[in-house]
Amino acid sequence: MKKVTIYSTPTCHYCKMAKEFFKANGVTYEEFNVAADAVRRNEMIAKSGQMGVPVIIIDDQILVGFDQAKLSSLLL
């Protein structure tokens, strides 16, 4: 099983879409709220070079934003 991590914020529409996609497809994931956790926010920026969310990491693949086709190709 692939390790899936999502860095998100509570108000991010694309973060919600990504999490709904994971749930609909039975994907287990770890979530970090970067609005409330500065350590995880800095970790996300260091890994992705981006401040925008969602940042999704699947094993060693980093995706910025919600791209359902790309997520499907990496997960399903």
PDB file of N, CA and C in Angstrom:
ATOM      1  N   MET A   1       0.843  -1.186   0.000  1.00  0.00           N
ATOM      2  CA  MET A   1       0.000   0.000   0.000  1.00  0.00           C
ATOM      3  C   MET A   1       0.885   1.245   0.000  1.00  0.00           C
ATOM      4  N   LYS A   2       0.498   2.224  -0.785  1.00  0.00           N
ATOM      5  CA  LYS A   2       1.282   3.447  -0.885  1.00  0.00           C
ATOM      6  C   LYS A   2       1.018   4.355   0.311  1.00  0.00           C
ATOM      7  N   LYS A   3       2.058   5.092   0.683  1.00  0.00           N
ATOM      8  CA  LYS A   3       1.920   6.059   1.778  1.00  0.00           C
ATOM      9  C   LYS A   3       1.448   7.379   1.182  1.00  0.00           C
ATOM     10  N   VAL A   4       0.319   7.872   1.678  1.00  0.00           N
ATOM     11  CA  VAL A   4      -0.281   9.098   1.162  1.00  0.00           C
ATOM     12  C   VAL A   4      -0.367  10.119   2.289  1.00  0.00           C
ATOM     13  N   THR A   5       0.157  11.309   2.015  1.00  0.00           N
ATOM     14  CA  THR A   5       0.107  12.419   2.962  1.00  0.00           C
ATOM     15  C   THR A   5      -0.479  13.624   2.246  1.00  0.00           C
ATOM     16  N   ILE A   6      -1.389  14.335   2.912  1.00  0.00           N
ATOM     17  CA  ILE A   6      -1.922  15.572   2.357  1.00  0.00           C
ATOM     18  C   ILE A   6      -1.715  16.699   3.359  1.00  0.00           C
ATOM     19  N   TYR A   7      -1.145  17.782   2.874  1.00  0.00           N
ATOM     20  CA  TYR A   7      -1.009  19.016   3.643  1.00  0.00           C
ATOM     21  C   TYR A   7      -2.159  19.904   3.181  1.00  0.00           C
ATOM     22  N   SER A   8      -2.981  20.353   4.121  1.00  0.00           N
ATOM     23  CA  SER A   8      -4.196  21.066   3.748  1.00  0.00           C
ATOM     24  C   SER A   8      -4.531  22.158   4.754  1.00  0.00           C
ATOM     25  N   THR A   9      -5.593  22.895   4.432  1.00  0.00           N
ATOM     26  CA  THR A   9      -6.181  23.858   5.362  1.00  0.00           C
ATOM     27  C   THR A   9      -7.687  23.601   5.402  1.00  0.00           C
ATOM     28  N   PRO A  10      -8.348  23.980   6.478  1.00  0.00           N
ATOM     29  CA  PRO A  10      -9.785  23.704   6.610  1.00  0.00           C
ATOM     30  C   PRO A  10     -10.653  24.393   5.559  1.00  0.00           C
ATOM     31  N   THR A  11     -10.209  25.518   5.013  1.00  0.00           N
ATOM     32  CA  THR A  11     -11.038  26.277   4.076  1.00  0.00           C
ATOM     33  C   THR A  11     -10.704  26.010   2.613  1.00  0.00           C
ATOM     34  N   CYS A  12      -9.794  25.114   2.342  1.00  0.00           N
ATOM     35  CA  CYS A  12      -9.336  24.845   0.975  1.00  0.00           C
ATOM     36  C   CYS A  12     -10.295  23.902   0.252  1.00  0.00           C
ATOM     37  N   HIS A  13     -10.936  24.408  -0.792  1.00  0.00           N
ATOM     38  CA  HIS A  13     -11.896  23.613  -1.563  1.00  0.00           C
ATOM     39  C   HIS A  13     -11.221  22.417  -2.239  1.00  0.00           C
ATOM     40  N   TYR A  14     -10.051  22.630  -2.827  1.00  0.00           N
ATOM     41  CA  TYR A  14      -9.362  21.536  -3.520  1.00  0.00           C
ATOM     42  C   TYR A  14      -8.848  20.482  -2.539  1.00  0.00           C
ATOM     43  N   CYS A  15      -8.531  20.903  -1.327  1.00  0.00           N
ATOM     44  CA  CYS A  15      -8.145  19.935  -0.289  1.00  0.00           C
ATOM     45  C   CYS A  15      -9.326  19.019   0.018  1.00  0.00           C
ATOM     46  N   LYS A  16     -10.508  19.611   0.150  1.00  0.00           N
ATOM     47  CA  LYS A  16     -11.712  18.821   0.425  1.00  0.00           C
ATOM     48  C   LYS A  16     -11.989  17.854  -0.720  1.00  0.00           C
ATOM     49  N   MET A  17     -11.813  18.320  -1.956  1.00  0.00           N
ATOM     50  CA  MET A  17     -12.034  17.449  -3.112  1.00  0.00           C
ATOM     51  C   MET A  17     -11.056  16.274  -3.092  1.00  0.00           C
ATOM     52  N   ALA A  18      -9.806  16.540  -2.768  1.00  0.00           N
ATOM     53  CA  ALA A  18      -8.799  15.471  -2.722  1.00  0.00           C
ATOM     54  C   ALA A  18      -9.157  14.452  -1.644  1.00  0.00           C
ATOM     55  N   LYS A  19      -9.551  14.934  -0.470  1.00  0.00           N
ATOM     56  CA  LYS A  19      -9.902  14.015   0.622  1.00  0.00           C
ATOM     57  C   LYS A  19     -11.155  13.206   0.283  1.00  0.00           C
ATOM     58  N   GLU A  20     -12.117  13.822  -0.399  1.00  0.00           N
ATOM     59  CA  GLU A  20     -13.302  13.087  -0.840  1.00  0.00           C
ATOM     60  C   GLU A  20     -12.914  12.012  -1.853  1.00  0.00           C
ATOM     61  N   PHE A  21     -11.987  12.333  -2.755  1.00  0.00           N
ATOM     62  CA  PHE A  21     -11.489  11.352  -3.721  1.00  0.00           C
ATOM     63  C   PHE A  21     -10.846  10.176  -2.996  1.00  0.00           C
ATOM     64  N   PHE A  22     -10.010  10.473  -2.005  1.00  0.00           N
ATOM     65  CA  PHE A  22      -9.360   9.400  -1.241  1.00  0.00           C
ATOM     66  C   PHE A  22     -10.409   8.501  -0.582  1.00  0.00           C
ATOM     67  N   LYS A  23     -11.376   9.120   0.086  1.00  0.00           N
ATOM     68  CA  LYS A  23     -12.400   8.343   0.792  1.00  0.00           C
ATOM     69  C   LYS A  23     -13.220   7.496  -0.174  1.00  0.00           C
ATOM     70  N   ALA A  24     -13.607   8.074  -1.308  1.00  0.00           N
ATOM     71  CA  ALA A  24     -14.416   7.352  -2.293  1.00  0.00           C
ATOM     72  C   ALA A  24     -13.674   6.151  -2.865  1.00  0.00           C
ATOM     73  N   ASN A  25     -12.344   6.226  -2.872  1.00  0.00           N
ATOM     74  CA  ASN A  25     -11.535   5.154  -3.449  1.00  0.00           C
ATOM     75  C   ASN A  25     -10.837   4.295  -2.403  1.00  0.00           C
ATOM     76  N   GLY A  26     -11.215   4.467  -1.138  1.00  0.00           N
ATOM     77  CA  GLY A  26     -10.663   3.637  -0.071  1.00  0.00           C
ATOM     78  C   GLY A  26      -9.186   3.856   0.187  1.00  0.00           C
ATOM     79  N   VAL A  27      -8.711   5.073  -0.069  1.00  0.00           N
ATOM     80  CA  VAL A  27      -7.294   5.394   0.125  1.00  0.00           C
ATOM     81  C   VAL A  27      -7.090   5.910   1.549  1.00  0.00           C
ATOM     82  N   THR A  28      -6.217   5.259   2.286  1.00  0.00           N
ATOM     83  CA  THR A  28      -5.859   5.709   3.627  1.00  0.00           C
ATOM     84  C   THR A  28      -4.811   6.807   3.487  1.00  0.00           C
ATOM     85  N   TYR A  29      -4.978   7.883   4.244  1.00  0.00           N
ATOM     86  CA  TYR A  29      -4.036   8.994   4.140  1.00  0.00           C
ATOM     87  C   TYR A  29      -3.803   9.627   5.503  1.00  0.00           C
ATOM     88  N   GLU A  30      -2.683  10.334   5.584  1.00  0.00           N
ATOM     89  CA  GLU A  30      -2.354  11.114   6.775  1.00  0.00           C
ATOM     90  C   GLU A  30      -2.521  12.577   6.393  1.00  0.00           C
ATOM     91  N   GLU A  31      -3.173  13.346   7.251  1.00  0.00           N
ATOM     92  CA  GLU A  31      -3.451  14.749   6.950  1.00  0.00           C
ATOM     93  C   GLU A  31      -2.785  15.667   7.963  1.00  0.00           C
ATOM     94  N   PHE A  32      -2.222  16.757   7.443  1.00  0.00           N
ATOM     95  CA  PHE A  32      -1.652  17.793   8.300  1.00  0.00           C
ATOM     96  C   PHE A  32      -2.309  19.120   7.961  1.00  0.00           C
ATOM     97  N   ASN A  33      -2.852  19.798   8.978  1.00  0.00           N
ATOM     98  CA  ASN A  33      -3.476  21.105   8.822  1.00  0.00           C
ATOM     99  C   ASN A  33      -2.388  22.166   8.956  1.00  0.00           C
ATOM    100  N   VAL A  34      -1.944  22.686   7.824  1.00  0.00           N
ATOM    101  CA  VAL A  34      -0.830  23.637   7.848  1.00  0.00           C
ATOM    102  C   VAL A  34      -1.258  25.037   8.284  1.00  0.00           C
ATOM    103  N   ALA A  35      -2.567  25.269   8.419  1.00  0.00           N
ATOM    104  CA  ALA A  35      -3.033  26.549   8.957  1.00  0.00           C
ATOM    105  C   ALA A  35      -2.777  26.620  10.458  1.00  0.00           C
ATOM    106  N   ALA A  36      -2.778  25.460  11.118  1.00  0.00           N
ATOM    107  CA  ALA A  36      -2.628  25.415  12.574  1.00  0.00           C
ATOM    108  C   ALA A  36      -1.273  24.887  13.030  1.00  0.00           C
ATOM    109  N   ASP A  37      -0.498  24.316  12.122  1.00  0.00           N
ATOM    110  CA  ASP A  37       0.755  23.648  12.498  1.00  0.00           C
ATOM    111  C   ASP A  37       1.919  24.226  11.688  1.00  0.00           C
ATOM    112  N   ALA A  38       2.634  25.168  12.290  1.00  0.00           N
ATOM    113  CA  ALA A  38       3.732  25.849  11.599  1.00  0.00           C
ATOM    114  C   ALA A  38       4.866  24.898  11.239  1.00  0.00           C
ATOM    115  N   VAL A  39       5.119  23.910  12.071  1.00  0.00           N
ATOM    116  CA  VAL A  39       6.191  22.944  11.786  1.00  0.00           C
ATOM    117  C   VAL A  39       5.861  22.177  10.510  1.00  0.00           C
ATOM    118  N   ARG A  40       4.626  21.690  10.407  1.00  0.00           N
ATOM    119  CA  ARG A  40       4.209  20.956   9.200  1.00  0.00           C
ATOM    120  C   ARG A  40       4.142  21.880   7.988  1.00  0.00           C
ATOM    121  N   ARG A  41       3.757  23.145   8.186  1.00  0.00           N
ATOM    122  CA  ARG A  41       3.732  24.105   7.083  1.00  0.00           C
ATOM    123  C   ARG A  41       5.134  24.290   6.522  1.00  0.00           C
ATOM    124  N   ASN A  42       6.116  24.469   7.401  1.00  0.00           N
ATOM    125  CA  ASN A  42       7.499  24.623   6.953  1.00  0.00           C
ATOM    126  C   ASN A  42       8.008  23.355   6.282  1.00  0.00           C
ATOM    127  N   GLU A  43       7.610  22.204   6.798  1.00  0.00           N
ATOM    128  CA  GLU A  43       7.969  20.920   6.190  1.00  0.00           C
ATOM    129  C   GLU A  43       7.394  20.832   4.768  1.00  0.00           C
ATOM    130  N   MET A  44       6.136  21.230   4.604  1.00  0.00           N
ATOM    131  CA  MET A  44       5.484  21.212   3.295  1.00  0.00           C
ATOM    132  C   MET A  44       6.218  22.112   2.307  1.00  0.00           C
ATOM    133  N   ILE A  45       6.573  23.309   2.746  1.00  0.00           N
ATOM    134  CA  ILE A  45       7.276  24.253   1.879  1.00  0.00           C
ATOM    135  C   ILE A  45       8.644  23.706   1.493  1.00  0.00           C
ATOM    136  N   ALA A  46       9.343  23.110   2.442  1.00  0.00           N
ATOM    137  CA  ALA A  46      10.661  22.536   2.165  1.00  0.00           C
ATOM    138  C   ALA A  46      10.566  21.399   1.151  1.00  0.00           C
ATOM    139  N   LYS A  47       9.533  20.574   1.254  1.00  0.00           N
ATOM    140  CA  LYS A  47       9.387  19.430   0.353  1.00  0.00           C
ATOM    141  C   LYS A  47       8.904  19.835  -1.034  1.00  0.00           C
ATOM    142  N   SER A  48       7.978  20.788  -1.095  1.00  0.00           N
ATOM    143  CA  SER A  48       7.323  21.107  -2.368  1.00  0.00           C
ATOM    144  C   SER A  48       7.813  22.395  -3.019  1.00  0.00           C
ATOM    145  N   GLY A  49       8.419  23.279  -2.215  1.00  0.00           N
ATOM    146  CA  GLY A  49       8.791  24.582  -2.741  1.00  0.00           C
ATOM    147  C   GLY A  49       7.588  25.493  -2.930  1.00  0.00           C
ATOM    148  N   GLN A  50       6.440  25.093  -2.395  1.00  0.00           N
ATOM    149  CA  GLN A  50       5.187  25.825  -2.579  1.00  0.00           C
ATOM    150  C   GLN A  50       4.565  26.181  -1.237  1.00  0.00           C
ATOM    151  N   MET A  51       3.794  27.268  -1.248  1.00  0.00           N
ATOM    152  CA  MET A  51       3.038  27.630  -0.053  1.00  0.00           C
ATOM    153  C   MET A  51       1.555  27.317  -0.215  1.00  0.00           C
ATOM    154  N   GLY A  52       1.139  26.977  -1.441  1.00  0.00           N
ATOM    155  CA  GLY A  52      -0.264  26.676  -1.702  1.00  0.00           C
ATOM    156  C   GLY A  52      -0.621  25.257  -1.308  1.00  0.00           C
ATOM    157  N   VAL A  53      -1.902  25.037  -1.054  1.00  0.00           N
ATOM    158  CA  VAL A  53      -2.405  23.711  -0.712  1.00  0.00           C
ATOM    159  C   VAL A  53      -3.486  23.316  -1.715  1.00  0.00           C
ATOM    160  N   PRO A  54      -3.762  22.053  -1.870  1.00  0.00           N
ATOM    161  CA  PRO A  54      -3.134  20.940  -1.176  1.00  0.00           C
ATOM    162  C   PRO A  54      -1.780  20.575  -1.765  1.00  0.00           C
ATOM    163  N   VAL A  55      -0.926  20.066  -0.910  1.00  0.00           N
ATOM    164  CA  VAL A  55       0.283  19.375  -1.343  1.00  0.00           C
ATOM    165  C   VAL A  55       0.066  17.922  -0.939  1.00  0.00           C
ATOM    166  N   ILE A  56       0.136  17.052  -1.931  1.00  0.00           N
ATOM    167  CA  ILE A  56      -0.115  15.628  -1.712  1.00  0.00           C
ATOM    168  C   ILE A  56       1.161  14.870  -2.031  1.00  0.00           C
ATOM    169  N   ILE A  57       1.577  14.026  -1.108  1.00  0.00           N
ATOM    170  CA  ILE A  57       2.770  13.209  -1.322  1.00  0.00           C
ATOM    171  C   ILE A  57       2.338  11.749  -1.325  1.00  0.00           C
ATOM    172  N   ILE A  58       2.654  11.083  -2.423  1.00  0.00           N
ATOM    173  CA  ILE A  58       2.360   9.653  -2.568  1.00  0.00           C
ATOM    174  C   ILE A  58       3.702   8.960  -2.725  1.00  0.00           C
ATOM    175  N   ASP A  59       4.104   8.243  -1.676  1.00  0.00           N
ATOM    176  CA  ASP A  59       5.452   7.675  -1.597  1.00  0.00           C
ATOM    177  C   ASP A  59       6.461   8.803  -1.813  1.00  0.00           C
ATOM    178  N   ASP A  60       7.123   8.873  -2.964  1.00  0.00           N
ATOM    179  CA  ASP A  60       8.103   9.945  -3.187  1.00  0.00           C
ATOM    180  C   ASP A  60       7.640  10.947  -4.241  1.00  0.00           C
ATOM    181  N   GLN A  61       6.394  10.827  -4.691  1.00  0.00           N
ATOM    182  CA  GLN A  61       5.838  11.738  -5.694  1.00  0.00           C
ATOM    183  C   GLN A  61       5.131  12.898  -5.001  1.00  0.00           C
ATOM    184  N   ILE A  62       5.465  14.124  -5.399  1.00  0.00           N
ATOM    185  CA  ILE A  62       4.852  15.313  -4.804  1.00  0.00           C
ATOM    186  C   ILE A  62       3.933  15.961  -5.830  1.00  0.00           C
ATOM    187  N   LEU A  63       2.682  16.152  -5.440  1.00  0.00           N
ATOM    188  CA  LEU A  63       1.702  16.823  -6.289  1.00  0.00           C
ATOM    189  C   LEU A  63       1.243  18.090  -5.582  1.00  0.00           C
ATOM    190  N   VAL A  64       1.195  19.182  -6.322  1.00  0.00           N
ATOM    191  CA  VAL A  64       0.675  20.431  -5.782  1.00  0.00           C
ATOM    192  C   VAL A  64      -0.653  20.687  -6.477  1.00  0.00           C
ATOM    193  N   GLY A  65      -1.700  20.838  -5.686  1.00  0.00           N
ATOM    194  CA  GLY A  65      -3.029  21.023  -6.242  1.00  0.00           C
ATOM    195  C   GLY A  65      -3.767  19.702  -6.346  1.00  0.00           C
ATOM    196  N   PHE A  66      -5.013  19.781  -6.822  1.00  0.00           N
ATOM    197  CA  PHE A  66      -5.845  18.583  -6.966  1.00  0.00           C
ATOM    198  C   PHE A  66      -5.965  18.249  -8.440  1.00  0.00           C
ATOM    199  N   ASP A  67      -5.332  17.162  -8.854  1.00  0.00           N
ATOM    200  CA  ASP A  67      -5.386  16.667 -10.230  1.00  0.00           C
ATOM    201  C   ASP A  67      -5.885  15.227 -10.156  1.00  0.00           C
ATOM    202  N   GLN A  68      -7.185  15.044 -10.363  1.00  0.00           N
ATOM    203  CA  GLN A  68      -7.793  13.732 -10.172  1.00  0.00           C
ATOM    204  C   GLN A  68      -7.181  12.686 -11.094  1.00  0.00           C
ATOM    205  N   ALA A  69      -6.903  13.035 -12.343  1.00  0.00           N
ATOM    206  CA  ALA A  69      -6.322  12.067 -13.278  1.00  0.00           C
ATOM    207  C   ALA A  69      -4.946  11.617 -12.803  1.00  0.00           C
ATOM    208  N   LYS A  70      -4.144  12.554 -12.337  1.00  0.00           N
ATOM    209  CA  LYS A  70      -2.804  12.217 -11.846  1.00  0.00           C
ATOM    210  C   LYS A  70      -2.901  11.365 -10.578  1.00  0.00           C
ATOM    211  N   LEU A  71      -3.796  11.740  -9.668  1.00  0.00           N
ATOM    212  CA  LEU A  71      -3.986  10.943  -8.452  1.00  0.00           C
ATOM    213  C   LEU A  71      -4.410   9.521  -8.802  1.00  0.00           C
ATOM    214  N   SER A  72      -5.334   9.397  -9.737  1.00  0.00           N
ATOM    215  CA  SER A  72      -5.793   8.068 -10.149  1.00  0.00           C
ATOM    216  C   SER A  72      -4.649   7.246 -10.709  1.00  0.00           C
ATOM    217  N   SER A  73      -3.812   7.866 -11.543  1.00  0.00           N
ATOM    218  CA  SER A  73      -2.709   7.115 -12.156  1.00  0.00           C
ATOM    219  C   SER A  73      -1.687   6.672 -11.118  1.00  0.00           C
ATOM    220  N   LEU A  74      -1.524   7.435 -10.052  1.00  0.00           N
ATOM    221  CA  LEU A  74      -0.554   7.083  -9.017  1.00  0.00           C
ATOM    222  C   LEU A  74      -1.115   6.119  -7.973  1.00  0.00           C
ATOM    223  N   LEU A  75      -2.439   6.126  -7.795  1.00  0.00           N
ATOM    224  CA  LEU A  75      -3.032   5.354  -6.699  1.00  0.00           C
ATOM    225  C   LEU A  75      -3.843   4.137  -7.123  1.00  0.00           C
ATOM    226  N   LEU A  76      -4.528   4.234  -8.251  1.00  0.00           N
ATOM    227  CA  LEU A  76      -5.502   3.182  -8.592  1.00  0.00           C
ATOM    228  C   LEU A  76      -4.991   2.257  -9.674  1.00  0.00           C
TER     229      LEU A  76
END
